[in-house]
Every structure is written in C-alpha cells, then in structure tokens.
C-alpha cells in the first residue's frame, strides 16, 4: 500500500470509576453523558465494553480512524482529556492501541 493510502485505527480504552452511583440507572446516565459528549465534540465511535452489571465501574472504548496518525492520536488524547474532566466519573486507567 503506498504511503498516501495509509489507514490508522486508534483505540483508547477508558477504565472508569463512578463513585457517586448507587444504581445501574445512575451509572447509565453518567456513561451516556460521557458518550454523548465525546460523539458531539469529536469524530469518534464510542461504546461501553465491560462492567455493564456493576454500578460503580465502566469500561468505555473510543475509536478513531484516519489517514494521519498524529491527527488520530490527538483526537484520542482529546477524548481522554474530556473523560478526565467529566463530573461523576474518574478515569482510573486507560490504554491506547493501534490496529
């Protein structure tokens, strides 16, 4: 594949703690708010991928695809920043992968 045809898929996985949540309904409200904010501010796909049955934990995956690796990485770092500043949820761990 020529350099001009490169495709980069970046995936950041966010491990969240939701300390104020006492029910799955409260957790869903916090997670939905984060997902909506990420989707509206950035050109990314977002999904809750683990801990669906726990009311104070969530794992959210954020994916971005593009032809410029730096742009994709910057977008995913912005997603991490948004998640870290989100009220109601704390990022306790995260990882960045390239596919």
C-alpha atoms as a PDB file:
ATOM      1  CA  UNK A   1       0.000   0.000   0.000  1.00  0.00           C
ATOM      2  CA  UNK A   2       1.537   3.378  -0.959  1.00  0.00           C
ATOM      3  CA  UNK A   3       2.152   5.869   1.882  1.00  0.00           C
ATOM      4  CA  UNK A   4      -0.693   8.100   0.708  1.00  0.00           C
ATOM      5  CA  UNK A   5      -3.111   5.204   1.218  1.00  0.00           C
ATOM      6  CA  UNK A   6      -2.213   4.550   4.880  1.00  0.00           C
ATOM      7  CA  UNK A   7      -5.058   3.994   7.300  1.00  0.00           C
ATOM      8  CA  UNK A   8      -4.729   4.383  11.055  1.00  0.00           C
ATOM      9  CA  UNK A   9      -7.191   2.984  13.574  1.00  0.00           C
ATOM     10  CA  UNK A  10      -6.605   4.166  17.110  1.00  0.00           C
ATOM     11  CA  UNK A  11      -8.471   2.782  20.091  1.00  0.00           C
ATOM     12  CA  UNK A  12      -8.380   4.252  23.572  1.00  0.00           C
ATOM     13  CA  UNK A  13      -9.930   2.180  26.344  1.00  0.00           C
ATOM     14  CA  UNK A  14     -11.016   4.061  29.466  1.00  0.00           C
ATOM     15  CA  UNK A  15     -11.493   2.257  32.768  1.00  0.00           C
ATOM     16  CA  UNK A  16     -13.891   4.415  34.794  1.00  0.00           C
ATOM     17  CA  UNK A  17     -14.937   4.528  38.421  1.00  0.00           C
ATOM     18  CA  UNK A  18     -18.292   6.182  39.133  1.00  0.00           C
ATOM     19  CA  UNK A  19     -18.112   6.707  42.913  1.00  0.00           C
ATOM     20  CA  UNK A  20     -21.438   8.503  43.380  1.00  0.00           C
ATOM     21  CA  UNK A  21     -23.502   5.895  41.579  1.00  0.00           C
ATOM     22  CA  UNK A  22     -25.819   3.793  43.721  1.00  0.00           C
ATOM     23  CA  UNK A  23     -27.701   2.121  40.863  1.00  0.00           C
ATOM     24  CA  UNK A  24     -27.282   0.999  37.272  1.00  0.00           C
ATOM     25  CA  UNK A  25     -29.670   3.777  36.241  1.00  0.00           C
ATOM     26  CA  UNK A  26     -27.363   6.432  37.713  1.00  0.00           C
ATOM     27  CA  UNK A  27     -24.336   4.778  36.120  1.00  0.00           C
ATOM     28  CA  UNK A  28     -26.039   4.695  32.696  1.00  0.00           C
ATOM     29  CA  UNK A  29     -26.810   8.419  33.000  1.00  0.00           C
ATOM     30  CA  UNK A  30     -23.130   9.225  33.635  1.00  0.00           C
ATOM     31  CA  UNK A  31     -21.828   6.894  30.917  1.00  0.00           C
ATOM     32  CA  UNK A  32     -24.423   8.083  28.384  1.00  0.00           C
ATOM     33  CA  UNK A  33     -23.485  11.695  29.123  1.00  0.00           C
ATOM     34  CA  UNK A  34     -19.814  10.950  28.511  1.00  0.00           C
ATOM     35  CA  UNK A  35     -20.545   9.027  25.309  1.00  0.00           C
ATOM     36  CA  UNK A  36     -22.785  11.826  24.006  1.00  0.00           C
ATOM     37  CA  UNK A  37     -20.174  14.487  24.796  1.00  0.00           C
ATOM     38  CA  UNK A  38     -17.396  12.542  23.057  1.00  0.00           C
ATOM     39  CA  UNK A  39     -19.515  11.929  19.966  1.00  0.00           C
ATOM     40  CA  UNK A  40     -20.684  15.536  19.713  1.00  0.00           C
ATOM     41  CA  UNK A  41     -17.236  17.104  20.180  1.00  0.00           C
ATOM     42  CA  UNK A  42     -15.062  14.603  18.321  1.00  0.00           C
ATOM     43  CA  UNK A  43     -15.411  12.459  15.223  1.00  0.00           C
ATOM     44  CA  UNK A  44     -15.221   9.134  17.126  1.00  0.00           C
ATOM     45  CA  UNK A  45     -17.159   5.962  17.824  1.00  0.00           C
ATOM     46  CA  UNK A  46     -17.837   5.166  21.481  1.00  0.00           C
ATOM     47  CA  UNK A  47     -19.149   2.044  23.240  1.00  0.00           C
ATOM     48  CA  UNK A  48     -19.364   0.695  26.769  1.00  0.00           C
ATOM     49  CA  UNK A  49     -17.491  -2.597  26.506  1.00  0.00           C
ATOM     50  CA  UNK A  50     -17.288  -4.052  30.039  1.00  0.00           C
ATOM     51  CA  UNK A  51     -18.660  -3.924  33.585  1.00  0.00           C
ATOM     52  CA  UNK A  52     -22.247  -3.419  32.379  1.00  0.00           C
ATOM     53  CA  UNK A  53     -23.623  -5.087  35.540  1.00  0.00           C
ATOM     54  CA  UNK A  54     -21.573  -3.058  38.048  1.00  0.00           C
ATOM     55  CA  UNK A  55     -22.979   0.273  39.189  1.00  0.00           C
ATOM     56  CA  UNK A  56     -19.657   1.967  40.034  1.00  0.00           C
ATOM     57  CA  UNK A  57     -17.447   0.726  37.174  1.00  0.00           C
ATOM     58  CA  UNK A  58     -17.463   1.128  33.413  1.00  0.00           C
ATOM     59  CA  UNK A  59     -15.082   0.430  30.572  1.00  0.00           C
ATOM     60  CA  UNK A  60     -15.558   2.620  27.521  1.00  0.00           C
ATOM     61  CA  UNK A  61     -13.798   2.205  24.172  1.00  0.00           C
ATOM     62  CA  UNK A  62     -13.263   5.188  21.872  1.00  0.00           C
ATOM     63  CA  UNK A  63     -12.205   4.520  18.277  1.00  0.00           C
ATOM     64  CA  UNK A  64     -10.978   6.914  15.612  1.00  0.00           C
ATOM     65  CA  UNK A  65      -9.912   6.220  12.019  1.00  0.00           C
ATOM     66  CA  UNK A  66      -7.936   8.484   9.731  1.00  0.00           C
ATOM     67  CA  UNK A  67      -5.114   8.785   7.236  1.00  0.00           C
ATOM     68  CA  UNK A  68      -2.937  10.932   9.553  1.00  0.00           C
ATOM     69  CA  UNK A  69      -1.644   9.109  12.628  1.00  0.00           C
ATOM     70  CA  UNK A  70      -0.924  12.345  14.503  1.00  0.00           C
ATOM     71  CA  UNK A  71      -4.466  13.624  13.940  1.00  0.00           C
ATOM     72  CA  UNK A  72      -5.953  10.330  15.140  1.00  0.00           C
ATOM     73  CA  UNK A  73      -3.721  10.333  18.233  1.00  0.00           C
ATOM     74  CA  UNK A  74      -4.602  13.971  19.007  1.00  0.00           C
ATOM     75  CA  UNK A  75      -8.309  13.166  18.749  1.00  0.00           C
ATOM     76  CA  UNK A  76      -7.956  10.218  21.123  1.00  0.00           C
ATOM     77  CA  UNK A  77      -5.944  12.313  23.594  1.00  0.00           C
ATOM     78  CA  UNK A  78      -8.749  14.901  23.482  1.00  0.00           C
ATOM     79  CA  UNK A  79     -11.201  12.084  24.269  1.00  0.00           C
ATOM     80  CA  UNK A  80      -9.087  11.123  27.277  1.00  0.00           C
ATOM     81  CA  UNK A  81      -8.998  14.751  28.415  1.00  0.00           C
ATOM     82  CA  UNK A  82     -12.783  15.065  28.123  1.00  0.00           C
ATOM     83  CA  UNK A  83     -13.253  11.851  30.114  1.00  0.00           C
ATOM     84  CA  UNK A  84     -10.834  13.017  32.815  1.00  0.00           C
ATOM     85  CA  UNK A  85     -12.733  16.292  33.234  1.00  0.00           C
ATOM     86  CA  UNK A  86     -16.169  14.664  33.317  1.00  0.00           C
ATOM     87  CA  UNK A  87     -18.116  15.137  36.551  1.00  0.00           C
ATOM     88  CA  UNK A  88     -19.351  11.904  38.092  1.00  0.00           C
ATOM     89  CA  UNK A  89     -16.682   9.635  36.620  1.00  0.00           C
ATOM     90  CA  UNK A  90     -12.978   9.177  37.269  1.00  0.00           C
ATOM     91  CA  UNK A  91     -10.544   7.599  34.818  1.00  0.00           C
ATOM     92  CA  UNK A  92      -8.596   5.064  36.879  1.00  0.00           C
ATOM     93  CA  UNK A  93      -6.749   3.508  33.925  1.00  0.00           C
ATOM     94  CA  UNK A  94      -6.528   3.857  30.155  1.00  0.00           C
ATOM     95  CA  UNK A  95      -4.698   2.334  27.215  1.00  0.00           C
ATOM     96  CA  UNK A  96      -4.066   3.379  23.627  1.00  0.00           C
ATOM     97  CA  UNK A  97      -3.809   0.772  20.865  1.00  0.00           C
ATOM     98  CA  UNK A  98      -3.186   0.914  17.137  1.00  0.00           C
ATOM     99  CA  UNK A  99      -4.782  -1.540  14.751  1.00  0.00           C
END
